[in-house]
Amino acid sequence: KEGISFEVFSAVEPNPKDRNVMEGAAAARAFGSDCL
C-alpha cells in the first residue's frame, strides 16, 4: 500500500540452521536490502 519494495525469504527451518543464515544473508545482499 505504501509502495515499499521487498522480497520474502521463507526458507527458515525450526531450530534455525547455519545454512539458513548463510542463504538468507546472500538473499539480502542480492536484493540490496537495507533492513530485515
All heavy atoms as atom14 arrays in JSON, in Angstrom:
{
  "sequence": "KEGISFEVFSAVEPNPKDRNVMEGAAAARAFGSDCL",
  "atom14_mask": [
    [1, 1, 1, 1, 1, 1, 1, 1, 1, 0, 0, 0, 0, 0],
    [1, 1, 1, 1, 1, 1, 1, 1, 1, 0, 0, 0, 0, 0],
    [1, 1, 1, 1, 0, 0, 0, 0, 0, 0, 0, 0, 0, 0],
    [1, 1, 1, 1, 1, 1, 1, 1, 0, 0, 0, 0, 0, 0],
    [1, 1, 1, 1, 1, 1, 0, 0, 0, 0, 0, 0, 0, 0],
    [1, 1, 1, 1, 1, 1, 1, 1, 1, 1, 1, 0, 0, 0],
    [1, 1, 1, 1, 1, 1, 1, 1, 1, 0, 0, 0, 0, 0],
    [1, 1, 1, 1, 1, 1, 1, 0, 0, 0, 0, 0, 0, 0],
    [1, 1, 1, 1, 1, 1, 1, 1, 1, 1, 1, 0, 0, 0],
    [1, 1, 1, 1, 1, 1, 0, 0, 0, 0, 0, 0, 0, 0],
    [1, 1, 1, 1, 1, 0, 0, 0, 0, 0, 0, 0, 0, 0],
    [1, 1, 1, 1, 1, 1, 1, 0, 0, 0, 0, 0, 0, 0],
    [1, 1, 1, 1, 1, 1, 1, 1, 1, 0, 0, 0, 0, 0],
    [1, 1, 1, 1, 1, 1, 1, 0, 0, 0, 0, 0, 0, 0],
    [1, 1, 1, 1, 1, 1, 1, 1, 0, 0, 0, 0, 0, 0],
    [1, 1, 1, 1, 1, 1, 1, 0, 0, 0, 0, 0, 0, 0],
    [1, 1, 1, 1, 1, 1, 1, 1, 1, 0, 0, 0, 0, 0],
    [1, 1, 1, 1, 1, 1, 1, 1, 0, 0, 0, 0, 0, 0],
    [1, 1, 1, 1, 1, 1, 1, 1, 1, 1, 1, 0, 0, 0],
    [1, 1, 1, 1, 1, 1, 1, 1, 0, 0, 0, 0, 0, 0],
    [1, 1, 1, 1, 1, 1, 1, 0, 0, 0, 0, 0, 0, 0],
    [1, 1, 1, 1, 1, 1, 1, 1, 0, 0, 0, 0, 0, 0],
    [1, 1, 1, 1, 1, 1, 1, 1, 1, 0, 0, 0, 0, 0],
    [1, 1, 1, 1, 0, 0, 0, 0, 0, 0, 0, 0, 0, 0],
    [1, 1, 1, 1, 1, 0, 0, 0, 0, 0, 0, 0, 0, 0],
    [1, 1, 1, 1, 1, 0, 0, 0, 0, 0, 0, 0, 0, 0],
    [1, 1, 1, 1, 1, 0, 0, 0, 0, 0, 0, 0, 0, 0],
    [1, 1, 1, 1, 1, 0, 0, 0, 0, 0, 0, 0, 0, 0],
    [1, 1, 1, 1, 1, 1, 1, 1, 1, 1, 1, 0, 0, 0],
    [1, 1, 1, 1, 1, 0, 0, 0, 0, 0, 0, 0, 0, 0],
    [1, 1, 1, 1, 1, 1, 1, 1, 1, 1, 1, 0, 0, 0],
    [1, 1, 1, 1, 0, 0, 0, 0, 0, 0, 0, 0, 0, 0],
    [1, 1, 1, 1, 1, 1, 0, 0, 0, 0, 0, 0, 0, 0],
    [1, 1, 1, 1, 1, 1, 1, 1, 0, 0, 0, 0, 0, 0],
    [1, 1, 1, 1, 1, 1, 0, 0, 0, 0, 0, 0, 0, 0],
    [1, 1, 1, 1, 1, 1, 1, 1, 0, 0, 0, 0, 0, 0]
  ],
  "atom14_positions": [
    [[0.82, -1.21, 0.0], [0.0, 0.0, 0.0], [0.85, 1.26, 0.0], [0.48, 2.28, -0.6], [-0.92, -0.01, 1.22], [-1.87, 1.18, 1.29], [-2.76, 1.08, 2.52], [-3.68, 2.29, 2.62], [-4.54, 2.22, 3.84], [0.0, 0.0, 0.0], [0.0, 0.0, 0.0], [0.0, 0.0, 0.0], [0.0, 0.0, 0.0], [0.0, 0.0, 0.0]],
    [[2.02, 1.18, 0.66], [2.91, 2.33, 0.74], [4.01, 2.29, -0.32], [4.93, 3.12, -0.3], [3.53, 2.42, 2.13], [2.53, 2.65, 3.24], [1.77, 3.94, 3.06], [2.38, 4.95, 2.62], [0.55, 3.97, 3.35], [0.0, 0.0, 0.0], [0.0, 0.0, 0.0], [0.0, 0.0, 0.0], [0.0, 0.0, 0.0], [0.0, 0.0, 0.0]],
    [[3.93, 1.33, -1.24], [4.9, 1.24, -2.33], [6.29, 0.84, -1.9], [7.28, 1.2, -2.55], [0.0, 0.0, 0.0], [0.0, 0.0, 0.0], [0.0, 0.0, 0.0], [0.0, 0.0, 0.0], [0.0, 0.0, 0.0], [0.0, 0.0, 0.0], [0.0, 0.0, 0.0], [0.0, 0.0, 0.0], [0.0, 0.0, 0.0], [0.0, 0.0, 0.0]],
    [[6.41, 0.1, -0.8], [7.71, -0.33, -0.3], [8.13, -1.62, -1.01], [7.38, -2.6, -1.04], [7.67, -0.56, 1.22], [7.39, 0.78, 1.93], [8.97, -1.18, 1.72], [7.2, 0.65, 3.42], [0.0, 0.0, 0.0], [0.0, 0.0, 0.0], [0.0, 0.0, 0.0], [0.0, 0.0, 0.0], [0.0, 0.0, 0.0], [0.0, 0.0, 0.0]],
    [[9.31, -1.61, -1.62], [9.84, -2.8, -2.31], [10.36, -3.8, -1.29], [11.02, -3.41, -0.31], [10.97, -2.39, -3.26], [10.5, -1.5, -4.25], [0.0, 0.0, 0.0], [0.0, 0.0, 0.0], [0.0, 0.0, 0.0], [0.0, 0.0, 0.0], [0.0, 0.0, 0.0], [0.0, 0.0, 0.0], [0.0, 0.0, 0.0], [0.0, 0.0, 0.0]],
    [[10.08, -5.07, -1.51], [10.52, -6.09, -0.57], [10.63, -7.43, -1.3], [10.08, -7.61, -2.39], [9.54, -6.23, 0.59], [8.18, -6.69, 0.18], [7.86, -8.04, 0.12], [7.2, -5.77, -0.18], [6.6, -8.47, -0.28], [5.94, -6.18, -0.59], [5.64, -7.54, -0.64], [0.0, 0.0, 0.0], [0.0, 0.0, 0.0], [0.0, 0.0, 0.0]],
    [[11.34, -8.33, -0.7], [11.35, -9.73, -1.1], [11.14, -10.58, 0.14], [11.35, -10.11, 1.26], [12.65, -10.12, -1.83], [12.71, -9.6, -3.25], [13.83, -10.23, -4.07], [14.61, -11.04, -3.5], [13.94, -9.89, -5.26], [0.0, 0.0, 0.0], [0.0, 0.0, 0.0], [0.0, 0.0, 0.0], [0.0, 0.0, 0.0], [0.0, 0.0, 0.0]],
    [[10.74, -11.83, -0.07], [10.46, -12.74, 1.04], [11.46, -13.89, 1.05], [11.67, -14.53, 0.01], [9.03, -13.3, 0.96], [8.78, -14.32, 2.07], [8.0, -12.18, 1.01], [0.0, 0.0, 0.0], [0.0, 0.0, 0.0], [0.0, 0.0, 0.0], [0.0, 0.0, 0.0], [0.0, 0.0, 0.0], [0.0, 0.0, 0.0], [0.0, 0.0, 0.0]],
    [[12.09, -14.11, 2.18], [12.95, -15.29, 2.4], [12.23, -16.17, 3.41], [12.13, -15.82, 4.58], [14.32, -14.87, 2.93], [15.23, -16.05, 3.22], [15.87, -16.71, 2.2], [15.42, -16.48, 4.53], [16.71, -17.8, 2.47], [16.24, -17.56, 4.8], [16.89, -18.23, 3.77], [0.0, 0.0, 0.0], [0.0, 0.0, 0.0], [0.0, 0.0, 0.0]],
    [[11.72, -17.31, 2.94], [10.89, -18.16, 3.8], [11.5, -19.53, 4.07], [10.81, -20.44, 4.51], [9.51, -18.35, 3.17], [9.62, -18.99, 1.91], [0.0, 0.0, 0.0], [0.0, 0.0, 0.0], [0.0, 0.0, 0.0], [0.0, 0.0, 0.0], [0.0, 0.0, 0.0], [0.0, 0.0, 0.0], [0.0, 0.0, 0.0], [0.0, 0.0, 0.0]],
    [[12.81, -19.66, 3.85], [13.46, -20.97, 3.99], [13.99, -21.22, 5.39], [14.88, -22.07, 5.58], [14.6, -21.09, 2.98], [0.0, 0.0, 0.0], [0.0, 0.0, 0.0], [0.0, 0.0, 0.0], [0.0, 0.0, 0.0], [0.0, 0.0, 0.0], [0.0, 0.0, 0.0], [0.0, 0.0, 0.0], [0.0, 0.0, 0.0], [0.0, 0.0, 0.0]],
    [[13.47, -20.52, 6.4], [13.93, -20.72, 7.78], [13.34, -22.02, 8.32], [12.13, -22.23, 8.26], [13.53, -19.54, 8.67], [14.03, -19.78, 10.1], [14.08, -18.24, 8.13], [0.0, 0.0, 0.0], [0.0, 0.0, 0.0], [0.0, 0.0, 0.0], [0.0, 0.0, 0.0], [0.0, 0.0, 0.0], [0.0, 0.0, 0.0], [0.0, 0.0, 0.0]],
    [[14.19, -22.86, 8.86], [13.76, -24.13, 9.46], [13.59, -23.96, 10.97], [14.15, -23.04, 11.57], [14.81, -25.21, 9.19], [15.08, -25.47, 7.72], [16.29, -26.38, 7.53], [16.15, -27.59, 7.82], [17.35, -25.88, 7.12], [0.0, 0.0, 0.0], [0.0, 0.0, 0.0], [0.0, 0.0, 0.0], [0.0, 0.0, 0.0], [0.0, 0.0, 0.0]],
    [[12.82, -24.86, 11.6], [12.81, -24.87, 13.07], [14.23, -25.09, 13.6], [15.03, -25.78, 12.97], [11.91, -26.06, 13.41], [11.06, -26.27, 12.19], [11.93, -25.89, 11.03], [0.0, 0.0, 0.0], [0.0, 0.0, 0.0], [0.0, 0.0, 0.0], [0.0, 0.0, 0.0], [0.0, 0.0, 0.0], [0.0, 0.0, 0.0], [0.0, 0.0, 0.0]],
    [[14.54, -24.49, 14.75], [15.92, -24.5, 15.23], [16.82, -24.01, 14.09], [17.51, -24.79, 13.46], [16.37, -25.9, 15.67], [15.61, -26.41, 16.86], [15.44, -25.71, 17.84], [15.13, -27.64, 16.78], [0.0, 0.0, 0.0], [0.0, 0.0, 0.0], [0.0, 0.0, 0.0], [0.0, 0.0, 0.0], [0.0, 0.0, 0.0], [0.0, 0.0, 0.0]],
    [[16.79, -22.71, 13.78], [17.43, -22.2, 12.56], [18.85, -22.7, 12.4], [19.62, -22.72, 13.35], [17.37, -20.68, 12.73], [17.16, -20.46, 14.19], [16.35, -21.62, 14.67], [0.0, 0.0, 0.0], [0.0, 0.0, 0.0], [0.0, 0.0, 0.0], [0.0, 0.0, 0.0], [0.0, 0.0, 0.0], [0.0, 0.0, 0.0], [0.0, 0.0, 0.0]],
    [[19.14, -23.1, 11.17], [20.41, -23.73, 10.85], [21.41, -22.72, 10.3], [21.02, -21.68, 9.75], [20.2, -24.85, 9.83], [19.04, -25.81, 10.14], [19.24, -26.57, 11.43], [18.19, -27.66, 11.63], [16.84, -27.14, 11.91], [0.0, 0.0, 0.0], [0.0, 0.0, 0.0], [0.0, 0.0, 0.0], [0.0, 0.0, 0.0], [0.0, 0.0, 0.0]],
    [[22.68, -23.08, 10.38], [23.71, -22.21, 9.8], [23.47, -21.99, 8.32], [23.66, -20.9, 7.78], [25.11, -22.78, 10.07], [25.24, -24.28, 9.8], [24.32, -24.89, 9.2], [26.28, -24.85, 10.2], [0.0, 0.0, 0.0], [0.0, 0.0, 0.0], [0.0, 0.0, 0.0], [0.0, 0.0, 0.0], [0.0, 0.0, 0.0], [0.0, 0.0, 0.0]],
    [[22.97, -23.03, 7.61], [22.71, -22.87, 6.17], [21.59, -21.87, 5.9], [21.62, -21.14, 4.91], [22.38, -24.23, 5.54], [21.17, -24.94, 6.15], [20.83, -26.23, 5.41], [19.78, -26.98, 6.09], [19.97, -28.08, 6.8], [21.21, -28.57, 6.94], [18.96, -28.7, 7.38], [0.0, 0.0, 0.0], [0.0, 0.0, 0.0], [0.0, 0.0, 0.0]],
    [[20.59, -21.81, 6.79], [19.52, -20.83, 6.63], [20.08, -19.41, 6.73], [19.71, -18.53, 5.95], [18.45, -21.0, 7.7], [17.83, -22.38, 7.76], [17.39, -22.81, 8.82], [17.8, -23.1, 6.65], [0.0, 0.0, 0.0], [0.0, 0.0, 0.0], [0.0, 0.0, 0.0], [0.0, 0.0, 0.0], [0.0, 0.0, 0.0], [0.0, 0.0, 0.0]],
    [[20.96, -19.2, 7.7], [21.56, -17.88, 7.88], [22.38, -17.49, 6.66], [22.25, -16.36, 6.15], [22.45, -17.87, 9.14], [23.22, -16.55, 9.24], [21.62, -18.1, 10.39], [0.0, 0.0, 0.0], [0.0, 0.0, 0.0], [0.0, 0.0, 0.0], [0.0, 0.0, 0.0], [0.0, 0.0, 0.0], [0.0, 0.0, 0.0], [0.0, 0.0, 0.0]],
    [[23.18, -18.41, 6.16], [24.05, -18.08, 5.02], [23.22, -17.82, 3.75], [23.51, -16.88, 3.0], [25.05, -19.21, 4.79], [25.96, -19.5, 5.98], [26.84, -18.05, 6.62], [27.91, -17.69, 5.21], [0.0, 0.0, 0.0], [0.0, 0.0, 0.0], [0.0, 0.0, 0.0], [0.0, 0.0, 0.0], [0.0, 0.0, 0.0], [0.0, 0.0, 0.0]],
    [[22.19, -18.63, 3.52], [21.33, -18.42, 2.35], [20.57, -17.11, 2.48], [20.42, -16.36, 1.5], [20.35, -19.59, 2.22], [21.0, -20.9, 1.82], [20.03, -22.08, 1.98], [18.84, -21.85, 2.3], [20.49, -23.24, 1.8], [0.0, 0.0, 0.0], [0.0, 0.0, 0.0], [0.0, 0.0, 0.0], [0.0, 0.0, 0.0], [0.0, 0.0, 0.0]],
    [[20.08, -16.82, 3.68], [19.34, -15.57, 3.88], [20.21, -14.34, 3.73], [19.77, -13.34, 3.16], [0.0, 0.0, 0.0], [0.0, 0.0, 0.0], [0.0, 0.0, 0.0], [0.0, 0.0, 0.0], [0.0, 0.0, 0.0], [0.0, 0.0, 0.0], [0.0, 0.0, 0.0], [0.0, 0.0, 0.0], [0.0, 0.0, 0.0], [0.0, 0.0, 0.0]],
    [[21.44, -14.41, 4.24], [22.35, -13.27, 4.09], [22.67, -13.03, 2.61], [22.73, -11.87, 2.17], [23.63, -13.53, 4.88], [0.0, 0.0, 0.0], [0.0, 0.0, 0.0], [0.0, 0.0, 0.0], [0.0, 0.0, 0.0], [0.0, 0.0, 0.0], [0.0, 0.0, 0.0], [0.0, 0.0, 0.0], [0.0, 0.0, 0.0], [0.0, 0.0, 0.0]],
    [[22.83, -14.11, 1.86], [23.09, -13.97, 0.42], [21.88, -13.34, -0.27], [22.03, -12.49, -1.16], [23.41, -15.33, -0.19], [0.0, 0.0, 0.0], [0.0, 0.0, 0.0], [0.0, 0.0, 0.0], [0.0, 0.0, 0.0], [0.0, 0.0, 0.0], [0.0, 0.0, 0.0], [0.0, 0.0, 0.0], [0.0, 0.0, 0.0], [0.0, 0.0, 0.0]],
    [[20.67, -13.74, 0.14], [19.45, -13.17, -0.43], [19.35, -11.68, -0.12], [18.93, -10.88, -0.96], [18.23, -13.9, 0.08], [0.0, 0.0, 0.0], [0.0, 0.0, 0.0], [0.0, 0.0, 0.0], [0.0, 0.0, 0.0], [0.0, 0.0, 0.0], [0.0, 0.0, 0.0], [0.0, 0.0, 0.0], [0.0, 0.0, 0.0], [0.0, 0.0, 0.0]],
    [[19.72, -11.3, 1.1], [19.68, -9.89, 1.49], [20.65, -9.07, 0.66], [20.32, -7.96, 0.19], [19.98, -9.74, 2.98], [0.0, 0.0, 0.0], [0.0, 0.0, 0.0], [0.0, 0.0, 0.0], [0.0, 0.0, 0.0], [0.0, 0.0, 0.0], [0.0, 0.0, 0.0], [0.0, 0.0, 0.0], [0.0, 0.0, 0.0], [0.0, 0.0, 0.0]],
    [[21.84, -9.59, 0.45], [22.83, -8.87, -0.35], [22.39, -8.77, -1.8], [22.52, -7.72, -2.45], [24.19, -9.55, -0.25], [24.89, -9.36, 1.11], [26.36, -9.76, 1.03], [26.48, -11.19, 0.77], [26.72, -12.11, 1.7], [26.84, -11.73, 2.97], [26.84, -13.38, 1.38], [0.0, 0.0, 0.0], [0.0, 0.0, 0.0], [0.0, 0.0, 0.0]],
    [[21.85, -9.87, -2.35], [21.43, -9.88, -3.76], [20.3, -8.88, -4.01], [20.24, -8.25, -5.07], [20.98, -11.29, -4.15], [0.0, 0.0, 0.0], [0.0, 0.0, 0.0], [0.0, 0.0, 0.0], [0.0, 0.0, 0.0], [0.0, 0.0, 0.0], [0.0, 0.0, 0.0], [0.0, 0.0, 0.0], [0.0, 0.0, 0.0], [0.0, 0.0, 0.0]],
    [[19.39, -8.73, -3.04], [18.28, -7.81, -3.18], [18.68, -6.36, -2.88], [17.96, -5.42, -3.21], [17.14, -8.25, -2.25], [15.92, -7.38, -2.3], [15.23, -7.16, -3.49], [15.44, -6.78, -1.15], [14.11, -6.35, -3.53], [14.31, -5.97, -1.17], [13.64, -5.76, -2.37], [0.0, 0.0, 0.0], [0.0, 0.0, 0.0], [0.0, 0.0, 0.0]],
    [[19.82, -6.19, -2.25], [20.22, -4.86, -1.82], [19.41, -4.37, -0.64], [19.08, -3.18, -0.53], [0.0, 0.0, 0.0], [0.0, 0.0, 0.0], [0.0, 0.0, 0.0], [0.0, 0.0, 0.0], [0.0, 0.0, 0.0], [0.0, 0.0, 0.0], [0.0, 0.0, 0.0], [0.0, 0.0, 0.0], [0.0, 0.0, 0.0], [0.0, 0.0, 0.0]],
    [[19.09, -5.27, 0.27], [18.25, -4.93, 1.42], [18.94, -3.91, 2.31], [20.14, -4.03, 2.59], [17.94, -6.19, 2.24], [17.26, -7.14, 1.46], [0.0, 0.0, 0.0], [0.0, 0.0, 0.0], [0.0, 0.0, 0.0], [0.0, 0.0, 0.0], [0.0, 0.0, 0.0], [0.0, 0.0, 0.0], [0.0, 0.0, 0.0], [0.0, 0.0, 0.0]],
    [[18.15, -2.95, 2.77], [18.7, -2.01, 3.74], [18.21, -2.31, 5.16], [18.56, -1.6, 6.11], [18.37, -0.56, 3.35], [16.87, -0.29, 3.25], [16.07, -1.21, 3.54], [16.5, 0.84, 2.86], [0.0, 0.0, 0.0], [0.0, 0.0, 0.0], [0.0, 0.0, 0.0], [0.0, 0.0, 0.0], [0.0, 0.0, 0.0], [0.0, 0.0, 0.0]],
    [[17.42, -3.38, 5.29], [16.97, -3.81, 6.61], [16.33, -5.19, 6.49], [16.07, -5.67, 5.38], [15.97, -2.83, 7.23], [14.4, -2.74, 6.34], [0.0, 0.0, 0.0], [0.0, 0.0, 0.0], [0.0, 0.0, 0.0], [0.0, 0.0, 0.0], [0.0, 0.0, 0.0], [0.0, 0.0, 0.0], [0.0, 0.0, 0.0], [0.0, 0.0, 0.0]],
    [[16.09, -5.82, 7.63], [15.42, -7.12, 7.69], [14.13, -6.97, 8.49], [14.08, -6.23, 9.47], [16.31, -8.16, 8.35], [17.66, -8.42, 7.69], [18.5, -9.38, 8.54], [17.49, -8.98, 6.28], [0.0, 0.0, 0.0], [0.0, 0.0, 0.0], [0.0, 0.0, 0.0], [0.0, 0.0, 0.0], [0.0, 0.0, 0.0], [0.0, 0.0, 0.0]]
  ]
}
